[in-house]
Amino acid sequence: MTRRRWLVAGGLALLALLALAWTQLAPWPRTGATYVAKQMCSCLFLTGRTEASCRTDFGDYVNRYSLAVDRGGLPRTARVTASLAMFRGEAVYDQGYGCRIAR
């Protein structure tokens, strides 16, 4: 094989390896974002604590996530979204039912 064919074959093998790694590792950040959203939802709306107080329960890793709290529907409903890069997790609070994972 010529040098060019080796480079092309190596590049294709690298792309295949990256695609496999992506499919195996992509669910982890999404799961983490969903976990943070659900825990923050429960902490905020079931215990009635402040966001700053709830953040202390998680440790430093929660600061990696961008949190958005939509209290527009209170007291009946509210939504918490946690984002890490392109990975998002959402939890919804429904009065009388508590918090549940939205997606």
Protein backbone atom coordinates (compact mmCIF):
# COMPACT_ATOMS: atom_id res chain seq x y z
CA MET A 1 0.00 0.00 0.00
CA THR A 2 1.15 3.48 -0.71
CA ARG A 3 1.55 6.07 1.98
CA ARG A 4 -1.56 7.91 0.84
CA ARG A 5 -3.73 4.81 1.18
CA TRP A 6 -2.40 4.25 4.70
CA LEU A 7 -3.29 7.82 5.63
CA VAL A 8 -6.79 7.50 4.18
CA ALA A 9 -7.33 4.14 5.90
CA GLY A 10 -6.03 5.56 9.19
CA GLY A 11 -8.28 8.61 8.88
CA LEU A 12 -11.33 6.46 8.21
CA ALA A 13 -10.48 4.21 11.15
CA LEU A 14 -10.14 7.27 13.37
CA LEU A 15 -13.52 8.60 12.22
CA ALA A 16 -15.13 5.23 12.91
CA LEU A 17 -13.57 5.15 16.37
CA LEU A 18 -14.80 8.68 17.13
CA ALA A 19 -18.31 7.80 15.95
CA LEU A 20 -18.34 4.73 18.19
CA ALA A 21 -17.06 6.74 21.15
CA TRP A 22 -19.74 9.38 20.56
CA THR A 23 -22.56 6.85 20.57
CA GLN A 24 -21.25 5.27 23.78
CA LEU A 25 -20.42 8.46 25.70
CA ALA A 26 -23.13 10.91 24.60
CA PRO A 27 -25.83 9.64 27.01
CA TRP A 28 -23.73 10.41 30.10
CA PRO A 29 -23.83 14.24 29.95
CA ARG A 30 -27.55 14.13 29.09
CA THR A 31 -28.20 11.87 32.08
CA GLY A 32 -26.25 14.25 34.31
CA ALA A 33 -28.20 17.26 33.07
CA THR A 34 -31.50 15.47 33.67
CA TYR A 35 -30.40 14.46 37.17
CA VAL A 36 -29.42 18.02 38.06
CA ALA A 37 -32.72 19.39 36.70
CA LYS A 38 -34.78 16.86 38.67
CA GLN A 39 -32.87 17.37 41.92
CA MET A 40 -33.01 21.17 41.61
CA CYS A 41 -36.73 21.00 40.87
CA SER A 42 -37.35 18.92 43.99
CA CYS A 43 -35.13 21.13 46.13
CA LEU A 44 -36.68 24.38 44.91
CA PHE A 45 -40.36 23.52 44.78
CA LEU A 46 -40.86 20.69 47.26
CA THR A 47 -38.65 21.99 50.06
CA GLY A 48 -39.07 25.69 49.24
CA ARG A 49 -35.37 26.53 49.43
CA THR A 50 -33.52 29.14 47.39
CA GLU A 51 -31.45 28.27 44.34
CA ALA A 52 -28.22 29.27 46.12
CA SER A 53 -29.10 27.00 49.03
CA CYS A 54 -29.88 24.09 46.71
CA ARG A 55 -26.61 24.50 44.81
CA THR A 56 -24.65 23.82 48.01
CA ASP A 57 -26.14 20.31 48.18
CA PHE A 58 -24.59 19.27 44.87
CA GLY A 59 -21.01 20.38 45.30
CA ASP A 60 -18.89 22.01 42.63
CA TYR A 61 -20.03 19.96 39.66
CA VAL A 62 -23.44 21.67 39.52
CA ASN A 63 -21.68 24.91 38.56
CA ARG A 64 -20.78 23.31 35.22
CA TYR A 65 -24.47 23.30 34.30
CA SER A 66 -26.46 26.29 33.16
CA LEU A 67 -29.73 26.32 35.08
CA ALA A 68 -32.94 28.03 33.99
CA VAL A 69 -35.91 28.11 36.33
CA ASP A 70 -39.31 29.04 34.88
CA ARG A 71 -41.67 29.96 37.70
CA GLY A 72 -44.30 31.42 35.37
CA GLY A 73 -46.97 28.87 36.16
CA LEU A 74 -46.61 28.83 39.94
CA PRO A 75 -48.28 27.79 42.17
CA ARG A 76 -49.58 25.04 39.84
CA THR A 77 -46.57 24.30 37.65
CA ALA A 78 -42.91 25.24 37.11
CA ARG A 79 -39.99 24.02 34.98
CA VAL A 80 -36.26 23.61 35.59
CA THR A 81 -33.83 23.18 32.68
CA ALA A 82 -30.18 22.18 33.13
CA SER A 83 -27.79 22.49 30.19
CA LEU A 84 -24.22 21.34 29.64
CA ALA A 85 -23.01 22.40 26.19
CA MET A 86 -25.59 20.87 23.83
CA PHE A 87 -26.99 18.42 26.37
CA ARG A 88 -30.21 19.38 28.17
CA GLY A 89 -32.38 17.91 30.84
CA GLU A 90 -35.75 19.19 32.03
CA ALA A 91 -37.89 18.58 35.06
CA VAL A 92 -41.42 19.83 35.65
CA TYR A 93 -43.14 20.54 38.96
CA ASP A 94 -46.87 19.84 39.07
CA GLN A 95 -48.75 20.82 42.21
CA GLY A 96 -49.98 17.74 44.00
CA TYR A 97 -47.67 15.41 42.05
CA GLY A 98 -44.18 16.79 42.68
CA CYS A 99 -41.33 16.90 40.18
CA ARG A 100 -40.95 14.62 37.20
CA ILE A 101 -38.48 14.31 34.35
CA ALA A 102 -39.82 16.03 31.25
CA ARG A 103 -37.14 14.91 28.78
